[in-house]
PDB file of N, CA and C in Angstrom:
ATOM      1  N   MET A   1     -35.711   5.527   1.957  1.00  0.00           N
ATOM      2  CA  MET A   1     -34.428   5.934   2.705  1.00  0.00           C
ATOM      3  C   MET A   1     -33.338   6.137   1.805  1.00  0.00           C
ATOM      4  N   ARG A   2     -33.322   5.339   0.678  1.00  0.00           N
ATOM      5  CA  ARG A   2     -32.239   5.256  -0.245  1.00  0.00           C
ATOM      6  C   ARG A   2     -32.266   6.910  -0.996  1.00  0.00           C
ATOM      7  N   THR A   3     -33.500   7.074  -1.125  1.00  0.00           N
ATOM      8  CA  THR A   3     -33.682   8.599  -2.071  1.00  0.00           C
ATOM      9  C   THR A   3     -33.241   9.601  -1.184  1.00  0.00           C
ATOM     10  N   LEU A   4     -33.162   9.631   0.288  1.00  0.00           N
ATOM     11  CA  LEU A   4     -32.868  10.604   0.896  1.00  0.00           C
ATOM     12  C   LEU A   4     -31.275  10.579   1.072  1.00  0.00           C
ATOM     13  N   THR A   5     -30.676   9.537   0.951  1.00  0.00           N
ATOM     14  CA  THR A   5     -29.271   9.515   1.058  1.00  0.00           C
ATOM     15  C   THR A   5     -28.913  10.003  -0.034  1.00  0.00           C
ATOM     16  N   LYS A   6     -29.171   9.657  -1.290  1.00  0.00           N
ATOM     17  CA  LYS A   6     -28.876  10.191  -2.745  1.00  0.00           C
ATOM     18  C   LYS A   6     -29.086  11.786  -2.648  1.00  0.00           C
ATOM     19  N   PHE A   7     -30.149  12.082  -2.133  1.00  0.00           N
ATOM     20  CA  PHE A   7     -30.431  13.472  -2.205  1.00  0.00           C
ATOM     21  C   PHE A   7     -29.302  14.395  -1.113  1.00  0.00           C
ATOM     22  N   ALA A   8     -29.131  13.750  -0.135  1.00  0.00           N
ATOM     23  CA  ALA A   8     -27.900  14.332   0.721  1.00  0.00           C
ATOM     24  C   ALA A   8     -26.776  14.375   0.041  1.00  0.00           C
ATOM     25  N   ALA A   9     -26.452  13.496  -0.503  1.00  0.00           N
ATOM     26  CA  ALA A   9     -24.948  13.256  -1.156  1.00  0.00           C
ATOM     27  C   ALA A   9     -24.937  14.283  -2.188  1.00  0.00           C
ATOM     28  N   LEU A  10     -25.966  14.463  -3.107  1.00  0.00           N
ATOM     29  CA  LEU A  10     -25.982  15.268  -4.328  1.00  0.00           C
ATOM     30  C   LEU A  10     -25.972  16.782  -3.607  1.00  0.00           C
ATOM     31  N   THR A  11     -26.694  17.145  -2.451  1.00  0.00           N
ATOM     32  CA  THR A  11     -26.675  18.392  -2.042  1.00  0.00           C
ATOM     33  C   THR A  11     -25.165  18.537  -1.603  1.00  0.00           C
ATOM     34  N   CYS A  12     -24.428  17.877  -0.773  1.00  0.00           N
ATOM     35  CA  CYS A  12     -23.086  17.938  -0.531  1.00  0.00           C
ATOM     36  C   CYS A  12     -22.308  18.120  -1.600  1.00  0.00           C
ATOM     37  N   LEU A  13     -22.197  17.384  -2.510  1.00  0.00           N
ATOM     38  CA  LEU A  13     -21.469  17.501  -3.918  1.00  0.00           C
ATOM     39  C   LEU A  13     -21.687  19.043  -4.166  1.00  0.00           C
ATOM     40  N   VAL A  14     -22.996  19.289  -4.363  1.00  0.00           N
ATOM     41  CA  VAL A  14     -23.380  20.675  -5.203  1.00  0.00           C
ATOM     42  C   VAL A  14     -22.613  21.619  -4.271  1.00  0.00           C
ATOM     43  N   LEU A  15     -22.740  21.632  -2.925  1.00  0.00           N
ATOM     44  CA  LEU A  15     -22.265  22.768  -2.252  1.00  0.00           C
ATOM     45  C   LEU A  15     -20.807  22.769  -2.119  1.00  0.00           C
ATOM     46  N   THR A  16     -20.207  21.692  -2.071  1.00  0.00           N
ATOM     47  CA  THR A  16     -18.566  21.635  -2.310  1.00  0.00           C
ATOM     48  C   THR A  16     -18.146  22.211  -3.498  1.00  0.00           C
ATOM     49  N   LEU A  17     -18.614  21.846  -4.691  1.00  0.00           N
ATOM     50  CA  LEU A  17     -18.288  22.333  -5.973  1.00  0.00           C
ATOM     51  C   LEU A  17     -18.762  24.060  -6.032  1.00  0.00           C
ATOM     52  N   TRP A  18     -19.787  24.451  -5.461  1.00  0.00           N
ATOM     53  CA  TRP A  18     -20.073  25.861  -5.348  1.00  0.00           C
ATOM     54  C   TRP A  18     -19.126  26.760  -4.565  1.00  0.00           C
ATOM     55  N   ILE A  19     -18.778  26.079  -3.401  1.00  0.00           N
ATOM     56  CA  ILE A  19     -17.907  26.818  -2.335  1.00  0.00           C
ATOM     57  C   ILE A  19     -16.450  26.643  -2.844  1.00  0.00           C
ATOM     58  N   ALA A  20     -16.214  25.671  -3.622  1.00  0.00           N
ATOM     59  CA  ALA A  20     -14.720  25.736  -4.343  1.00  0.00           C
ATOM     60  C   ALA A  20     -14.883  26.890  -5.656  1.00  0.00           C
ATOM     61  N   ALA A  21     -15.511  27.005  -6.302  1.00  0.00           N
ATOM     62  CA  ALA A  21     -15.695  28.043  -7.412  1.00  0.00           C
ATOM     63  C   ALA A  21     -15.743  29.393  -6.711  1.00  0.00           C
ATOM     64  N   ALA A  22     -16.404  29.514  -5.670  1.00  0.00           N
ATOM     65  CA  ALA A  22     -16.642  30.965  -5.111  1.00  0.00           C
ATOM     66  C   ALA A  22     -15.273  31.230  -4.543  1.00  0.00           C
ATOM     67  N   ALA A  23     -14.331  30.206  -3.998  1.00  0.00           N
ATOM     68  CA  ALA A  23     -13.185  30.378  -3.319  1.00  0.00           C
ATOM     69  C   ALA A  23     -12.215  30.654  -4.570  1.00  0.00           C
ATOM     70  N   VAL A  24     -12.226  30.529  -5.769  1.00  0.00           N
ATOM     71  CA  VAL A  24     -11.248  30.442  -6.769  1.00  0.00           C
ATOM     72  C   VAL A  24     -11.593  31.794  -7.385  1.00  0.00           C
ATOM     73  N   ALA A  25     -12.980  32.010  -7.632  1.00  0.00           N
ATOM     74  CA  ALA A  25     -13.279  33.134  -8.277  1.00  0.00           C
ATOM     75  C   ALA A  25     -13.302  34.470  -7.783  1.00  0.00           C
ATOM     76  N   HIS A  26     -13.491  34.440  -6.410  1.00  0.00           N
ATOM     77  CA  HIS A  26     -13.443  35.981  -5.802  1.00  0.00           C
ATOM     78  C   HIS A  26     -12.068  36.548  -6.029  1.00  0.00           C
ATOM     79  N   HIS A  27     -12.213  38.047  -5.823  1.00  0.00           N
ATOM     80  CA  HIS A  27     -11.099  38.818  -5.983  1.00  0.00           C
ATOM     81  C   HIS A  27     -11.341  40.259  -5.108  1.00  0.00           C
ATOM     82  N   HIS A  28     -10.121  40.789  -4.968  1.00  0.00           N
ATOM     83  CA  HIS A  28     -10.357  41.882  -4.059  1.00  0.00           C
ATOM     84  C   HIS A  28      -9.832  43.273  -4.906  1.00  0.00           C
ATOM     85  N   ALA A  29     -10.440  44.389  -4.634  1.00  0.00           N
ATOM     86  CA  ALA A  29      -9.835  45.597  -5.453  1.00  0.00           C
ATOM     87  C   ALA A  29      -8.402  46.141  -4.794  1.00  0.00           C
ATOM     88  N   ASN A  30      -8.163  45.983  -3.660  1.00  0.00           N
ATOM     89  CA  ASN A  30      -6.890  46.243  -3.360  1.00  0.00           C
ATOM     90  C   ASN A  30      -6.482  45.307  -2.152  1.00  0.00           C
ATOM     91  N   ASN A  31      -5.159  45.543  -1.725  1.00  0.00           N
ATOM     92  CA  ASN A  31      -4.549  44.635  -0.805  1.00  0.00           C
ATOM     93  C   ASN A  31      -5.133  44.655   0.557  1.00  0.00           C
ATOM     94  N   GLY A  32      -5.694  45.582   1.172  1.00  0.00           N
ATOM     95  CA  GLY A  32      -6.440  45.871   2.378  1.00  0.00           C
ATOM     96  C   GLY A  32      -7.599  44.985   2.646  1.00  0.00           C
ATOM     97  N   GLU A  33      -8.474  44.878   1.321  1.00  0.00           N
ATOM     98  CA  GLU A  33      -9.620  43.993   1.665  1.00  0.00           C
ATOM     99  C   GLU A  33      -9.217  42.414   1.799  1.00  0.00           C
ATOM    100  N   SER A  34      -8.050  42.223   1.346  1.00  0.00           N
ATOM    101  CA  SER A  34      -7.864  40.573   1.373  1.00  0.00           C
ATOM    102  C   SER A  34      -7.237  40.413   2.844  1.00  0.00           C
ATOM    103  N   GLN A  35      -6.824  41.585   3.553  1.00  0.00           N
ATOM    104  CA  GLN A  35      -6.458  41.214   5.012  1.00  0.00           C
ATOM    105  C   GLN A  35      -7.495  40.680   5.973  1.00  0.00           C
ATOM    106  N   THR A  36      -8.655  41.229   5.416  1.00  0.00           N
ATOM    107  CA  THR A  36     -10.054  41.055   6.452  1.00  0.00           C
ATOM    108  C   THR A  36     -10.950  39.994   5.594  1.00  0.00           C
ATOM    109  N   CYS A  37     -10.792  39.242   4.618  1.00  0.00           N
ATOM    110  CA  CYS A  37     -11.447  38.497   3.663  1.00  0.00           C
ATOM    111  C   CYS A  37     -11.327  37.327   4.527  1.00  0.00           C
ATOM    112  N   PRO A  38     -12.642  36.783   4.932  1.00  0.00           N
ATOM    113  CA  PRO A  38     -12.571  35.253   5.512  1.00  0.00           C
ATOM    114  C   PRO A  38     -11.816  34.120   4.783  1.00  0.00           C
ATOM    115  N   VAL A  39     -12.159  34.190   3.318  1.00  0.00           N
ATOM    116  CA  VAL A  39     -11.662  33.103   2.595  1.00  0.00           C
ATOM    117  C   VAL A  39     -10.078  33.409   2.431  1.00  0.00           C
ATOM    118  N   CYS A  40      -9.626  34.446   2.523  1.00  0.00           N
ATOM    119  CA  CYS A  40      -8.194  34.451   2.289  1.00  0.00           C
ATOM    120  C   CYS A  40      -7.448  34.436   3.494  1.00  0.00           C
ATOM    121  N   VAL A  41      -8.063  34.951   4.563  1.00  0.00           N
ATOM    122  CA  VAL A  41      -7.593  34.369   5.818  1.00  0.00           C
ATOM    123  C   VAL A  41      -7.312  33.157   6.130  1.00  0.00           C
ATOM    124  N   VAL A  42      -8.470  32.344   5.796  1.00  0.00           N
ATOM    125  CA  VAL A  42      -8.376  30.897   5.981  1.00  0.00           C
ATOM    126  C   VAL A  42      -7.254  30.230   5.055  1.00  0.00           C
ATOM    127  N   ALA A  43      -7.336  30.719   3.855  1.00  0.00           N
ATOM    128  CA  ALA A  43      -6.321  29.840   3.027  1.00  0.00           C
ATOM    129  C   ALA A  43      -4.978  30.195   3.428  1.00  0.00           C
ATOM    130  N   ARG A  44      -4.730  31.458   3.849  1.00  0.00           N
ATOM    131  CA  ARG A  44      -3.260  31.619   4.543  1.00  0.00           C
ATOM    132  C   ARG A  44      -2.942  30.998   5.899  1.00  0.00           C
ATOM    133  N   ALA A  45      -4.070  30.631   6.711  1.00  0.00           N
ATOM    134  CA  ALA A  45      -3.655  30.165   8.112  1.00  0.00           C
ATOM    135  C   ALA A  45      -2.912  28.735   7.877  1.00  0.00           C
ATOM    136  N   PRO A  46      -3.230  27.955   7.332  1.00  0.00           N
ATOM    137  CA  PRO A  46      -2.283  26.749   7.288  1.00  0.00           C
ATOM    138  C   PRO A  46      -0.945  26.521   6.978  1.00  0.00           C
ATOM    139  N   ALA A  47      -0.574  27.695   6.084  1.00  0.00           N
ATOM    140  CA  ALA A  47       0.788  28.094   5.727  1.00  0.00           C
ATOM    141  C   ALA A  47       1.406  28.829   6.750  1.00  0.00           C
ATOM    142  N   ALA A  48       0.766  29.625   7.854  1.00  0.00           N
ATOM    143  CA  ALA A  48       1.427  30.047   8.670  1.00  0.00           C
ATOM    144  C   ALA A  48       1.747  29.194   9.549  1.00  0.00           C
ATOM    145  N   ARG A  49       1.049  28.209  10.093  1.00  0.00           N
ATOM    146  CA  ARG A  49       1.283  27.321  11.249  1.00  0.00           C
ATOM    147  C   ARG A  49       2.218  26.299  10.814  1.00  0.00           C
ATOM    148  N   THR A  50       2.460  25.849   9.644  1.00  0.00           N
ATOM    149  CA  THR A  50       3.255  25.002   9.370  1.00  0.00           C
ATOM    150  C   THR A  50       4.896  25.042   9.584  1.00  0.00           C
ATOM    151  N   ALA A  51       5.743  24.592  10.432  1.00  0.00           N
ATOM    152  CA  ALA A  51       6.952  24.907  10.346  1.00  0.00           C
ATOM    153  C   ALA A  51       7.657  24.179   9.219  1.00  0.00           C
ATOM    154  N   ALA A  52       8.590  25.066   8.687  1.00  0.00           N
ATOM    155  CA  ALA A  52       9.466  24.366   7.799  1.00  0.00           C
ATOM    156  C   ALA A  52      10.397  23.406   8.492  1.00  0.00           C
ATOM    157  N   SER A  53      10.244  22.316   8.071  1.00  0.00           N
ATOM    158  CA  SER A  53      11.602  21.309   8.704  1.00  0.00           C
ATOM    159  C   SER A  53      11.678  20.355   7.691  1.00  0.00           C
ATOM    160  N   THR A  54      13.063  19.603   7.955  1.00  0.00           N
ATOM    161  CA  THR A  54      13.162  18.670   6.907  1.00  0.00           C
ATOM    162  C   THR A  54      13.013  17.456   7.511  1.00  0.00           C
ATOM    163  N   PRO A  55      12.210  16.444   6.704  1.00  0.00           N
ATOM    164  CA  PRO A  55      11.898  15.262   7.467  1.00  0.00           C
ATOM    165  C   PRO A  55      13.265  14.301   7.543  1.00  0.00           C
ATOM    166  N   LYS A  56      13.130  13.520   8.694  1.00  0.00           N
ATOM    167  CA  LYS A  56      14.230  12.625   8.954  1.00  0.00           C
ATOM    168  C   LYS A  56      14.398  11.604   8.029  1.00  0.00           C
ATOM    169  N   PRO A  57      15.156  11.123   7.695  1.00  0.00           N
ATOM    170  CA  PRO A  57      15.276   9.961   6.773  1.00  0.00           C
ATOM    171  C   PRO A  57      14.869   8.557   7.530  1.00  0.00           C
ATOM    172  N   VAL A  58      14.334   7.845   6.792  1.00  0.00           N
ATOM    173  CA  VAL A  58      13.892   6.462   7.544  1.00  0.00           C
ATOM    174  C   VAL A  58      14.701   5.410   6.621  1.00  0.00           C
ATOM    175  N   PHE A  59      15.411   4.581   7.387  1.00  0.00           N
ATOM    176  CA  PHE A  59      16.120   3.553   7.025  1.00  0.00           C
ATOM    177  C   PHE A  59      15.410   2.109   7.489  1.00  0.00           C
ATOM    178  N   LEU A  60      15.203   1.355   6.281  1.00  0.00           N
ATOM    179  CA  LEU A  60      14.186   0.077   6.753  1.00  0.00           C
ATOM    180  C   LEU A  60      15.297  -0.976   6.501  1.00  0.00           C
ATOM    181  N   CYS A  61      15.254  -2.140   7.092  1.00  0.00           N
ATOM    182  CA  CYS A  61      15.792  -3.295   6.764  1.00  0.00           C
ATOM    183  C   CYS A  61      15.046  -4.265   6.120  1.00  0.00           C
ATOM    184  N   VAL A  62      15.154  -4.332   4.678  1.00  0.00           N
ATOM    185  CA  VAL A  62      14.084  -5.245   3.835  1.00  0.00           C
ATOM    186  C   VAL A  62      14.925  -6.132   3.477  1.00  0.00           C
ATOM    187  N   SER A  63      14.155  -7.454   3.922  1.00  0.00           N
ATOM    188  CA  SER A  63      14.606  -8.656   3.556  1.00  0.00           C
ATOM    189  C   SER A  63      13.651  -9.417   2.636  1.00  0.00           C
ATOM    190  N   THR A  64      14.254 -10.271   1.512  1.00  0.00           N
ATOM    191  CA  THR A  64      13.546 -10.820   0.393  1.00  0.00           C
ATOM    192  C   THR A  64      13.699 -12.456   0.533  1.00  0.00           C
ATOM    193  N   VAL A  65      12.549 -13.282   0.033  1.00  0.00           N
ATOM    194  CA  VAL A  65      12.351 -14.486   0.202  1.00  0.00           C
ATOM    195  C   VAL A  65      12.213 -15.096  -1.436  1.00  0.00           C
ATOM    196  N   ARG A  66      13.189 -15.849  -1.648  1.00  0.00           N
ATOM    197  CA  ARG A  66      12.901 -16.479  -3.184  1.00  0.00           C
ATOM    198  C   ARG A  66      12.352 -17.816  -3.002  1.00  0.00           C
ATOM    199  N   ILE A  67      11.176 -17.704  -3.495  1.00  0.00           N
ATOM    200  CA  ILE A  67      10.616 -19.164  -3.638  1.00  0.00           C
ATOM    201  C   ILE A  67      10.733 -19.760  -4.746  1.00  0.00           C
ATOM    202  N   GLU A  68      11.163 -21.192  -4.832  1.00  0.00           N
ATOM    203  CA  GLU A  68      11.226 -21.972  -6.185  1.00  0.00           C
ATOM    204  C   GLU A  68      10.137 -22.331  -6.724  1.00  0.00           C
ATOM    205  N   ALA A  69       9.827 -22.303  -8.030  1.00  0.00           N
ATOM    206  CA  ALA A  69       8.930 -22.256  -8.885  1.00  0.00           C
ATOM    207  C   ALA A  69       8.492 -23.798  -8.709  1.00  0.00           C
ATOM    208  N   SER A  70       7.024 -24.027  -8.449  1.00  0.00           N
ATOM    209  CA  SER A  70       6.745 -25.609  -8.472  1.00  0.00           C
ATOM    210  C   SER A  70       6.095 -26.093  -9.796  1.00  0.00           C
ATOM    211  N   PRO A  71       6.372 -27.286 -10.047  1.00  0.00           N
ATOM    212  CA  PRO A  71       6.033 -27.580 -11.600  1.00  0.00           C
ATOM    213  C   PRO A  71       4.581 -27.532 -11.636  1.00  0.00           C
ATOM    214  N   ALA A  72       4.204 -27.553 -12.835  1.00  0.00           N
ATOM    215  CA  ALA A  72       2.680 -27.335 -13.330  1.00  0.00           C
ATOM    216  C   ALA A  72       1.738 -28.345 -12.783  1.00  0.00           C
ATOM    217  N   LYS A  73       2.310 -29.740 -12.487  1.00  0.00           N
ATOM    218  CA  LYS A  73       1.403 -30.538 -12.130  1.00  0.00           C
ATOM    219  C   LYS A  73       0.977 -30.337 -10.694  1.00  0.00           C
ATOM    220  N   PHE A  74       1.673 -29.815  -9.794  1.00  0.00           N
ATOM    221  CA  PHE A  74       1.364 -29.391  -8.446  1.00  0.00           C
ATOM    222  C   PHE A  74       0.259 -28.477  -8.256  1.00  0.00           C
ATOM    223  N   ARG A  75       0.369 -27.519  -9.295  1.00  0.00           N
ATOM    224  CA  ARG A  75      -0.379 -26.389  -9.221  1.00  0.00           C
ATOM    225  C   ARG A  75      -1.855 -26.663  -9.784  1.00  0.00           C
ATOM    226  N   LEU A  76      -1.838 -27.861 -10.607  1.00  0.00           N
ATOM    227  CA  LEU A  76      -3.264 -28.148 -11.075  1.00  0.00           C
ATOM    228  C   LEU A  76      -4.193 -28.937 -10.350  1.00  0.00           C
ATOM    229  N   ILE A  77      -3.731 -29.445  -9.066  1.00  0.00           N
ATOM    230  CA  ILE A  77      -4.578 -30.460  -8.475  1.00  0.00           C
ATOM    231  C   ILE A  77      -5.548 -29.580  -7.722  1.00  0.00           C
ATOM    232  N   PRO A  78      -4.981 -28.545  -6.956  1.00  0.00           N
ATOM    233  CA  PRO A  78      -6.088 -27.708  -6.097  1.00  0.00           C
ATOM    234  C   PRO A  78      -7.170 -27.259  -7.121  1.00  0.00           C
ATOM    235  N   PHE A  79      -6.603 -26.790  -8.394  1.00  0.00           N
ATOM    236  CA  PHE A  79      -7.558 -26.181  -9.047  1.00  0.00           C
ATOM    237  C   PHE A  79      -8.594 -26.993  -9.654  1.00  0.00           C
ATOM    238  N   VAL A  80      -8.360 -28.539  -9.962  1.00  0.00           N
ATOM    239  CA  VAL A  80      -9.226 -29.566 -10.436  1.00  0.00           C
ATOM    240  C   VAL A  80     -10.257 -29.911  -9.333  1.00  0.00           C
ATOM    241  N   LEU A  81      -9.450 -29.943  -7.859  1.00  0.00           N
ATOM    242  CA  LEU A  81     -10.490 -30.209  -6.796  1.00  0.00           C
ATOM    243  C   LEU A  81     -11.454 -28.996  -6.510  1.00  0.00           C
ATOM    244  N   SER A  82     -11.223 -27.889  -6.984  1.00  0.00           N
ATOM    245  CA  SER A  82     -12.139 -26.652  -6.634  1.00  0.00           C
ATOM    246  C   SER A  82     -13.326 -26.531  -7.853  1.00  0.00           C
ATOM    247  N   ILE A  83     -13.447 -27.215  -8.716  1.00  0.00           N
ATOM    248  CA  ILE A  83     -14.179 -26.893  -9.838  1.00  0.00           C
ATOM    249  C   ILE A  83     -15.477 -27.797  -9.313  1.00  0.00           C
ATOM    250  N   ARG A  84     -16.622 -27.284  -9.122  1.00  0.00           N
ATOM    251  CA  ARG A  84     -17.942 -28.089  -9.186  1.00  0.00           C
ATOM    252  C   ARG A  84     -18.424 -28.549 -10.549  1.00  0.00           C
ATOM    253  N   PRO A  85     -18.820 -29.778 -10.278  1.00  0.00           N
ATOM    254  CA  PRO A  85     -19.336 -30.203 -11.636  1.00  0.00           C
ATOM    255  C   PRO A  85     -20.665 -29.493 -12.225  1.00  0.00           C
ATOM    256  N   PRO A  86     -20.898 -29.728 -13.429  1.00  0.00           N
ATOM    257  CA  PRO A  86     -22.238 -28.886 -13.861  1.00  0.00           C
ATOM    258  C   PRO A  86     -23.613 -29.861 -13.071  1.00  0.00           C
ATOM    259  N   PRO A  87     -24.538 -28.852 -12.800  1.00  0.00           N
ATOM    260  CA  PRO A  87     -25.649 -29.459 -12.042  1.00  0.00           C
ATOM    261  C   PRO A  87     -26.245 -30.589 -13.016  1.00  0.00           C
ATOM    262  N   ALA A  88     -26.858 -31.642 -12.090  1.00  0.00           N
ATOM    263  CA  ALA A  88     -27.557 -32.716 -12.811  1.00  0.00           C
ATOM    264  C   ALA A  88     -28.902 -32.234 -13.149  1.00  0.00           C
ATOM    265  N   VAL A  89     -29.108 -33.002 -14.618  1.00  0.00           N
ATOM    266  CA  VAL A  89     -30.513 -32.452 -15.156  1.00  0.00           C
ATOM    267  C   VAL A  89     -31.660 -33.325 -14.679  1.00  0.00           C
TER     268      VAL A  89
END
């Protein structure tokens, strides 16, 4: 099953790279062909649908908490208690 998953992932990766290379490398002899080219039409479609609007600013109230540093002796106790001793021989 794992081999099948690896094969499917590799196939998807190769197809994605091949399609990306084909989309970048294609060209047209004149402007009329690019009007009917499926790749060019799909590339221009999101740009036509997106409305140019300015985003509204978002203001958030941010509060900070200052925690006083504890002495080193208080931080050492939980560390020492969490260490397991070596196994007995």
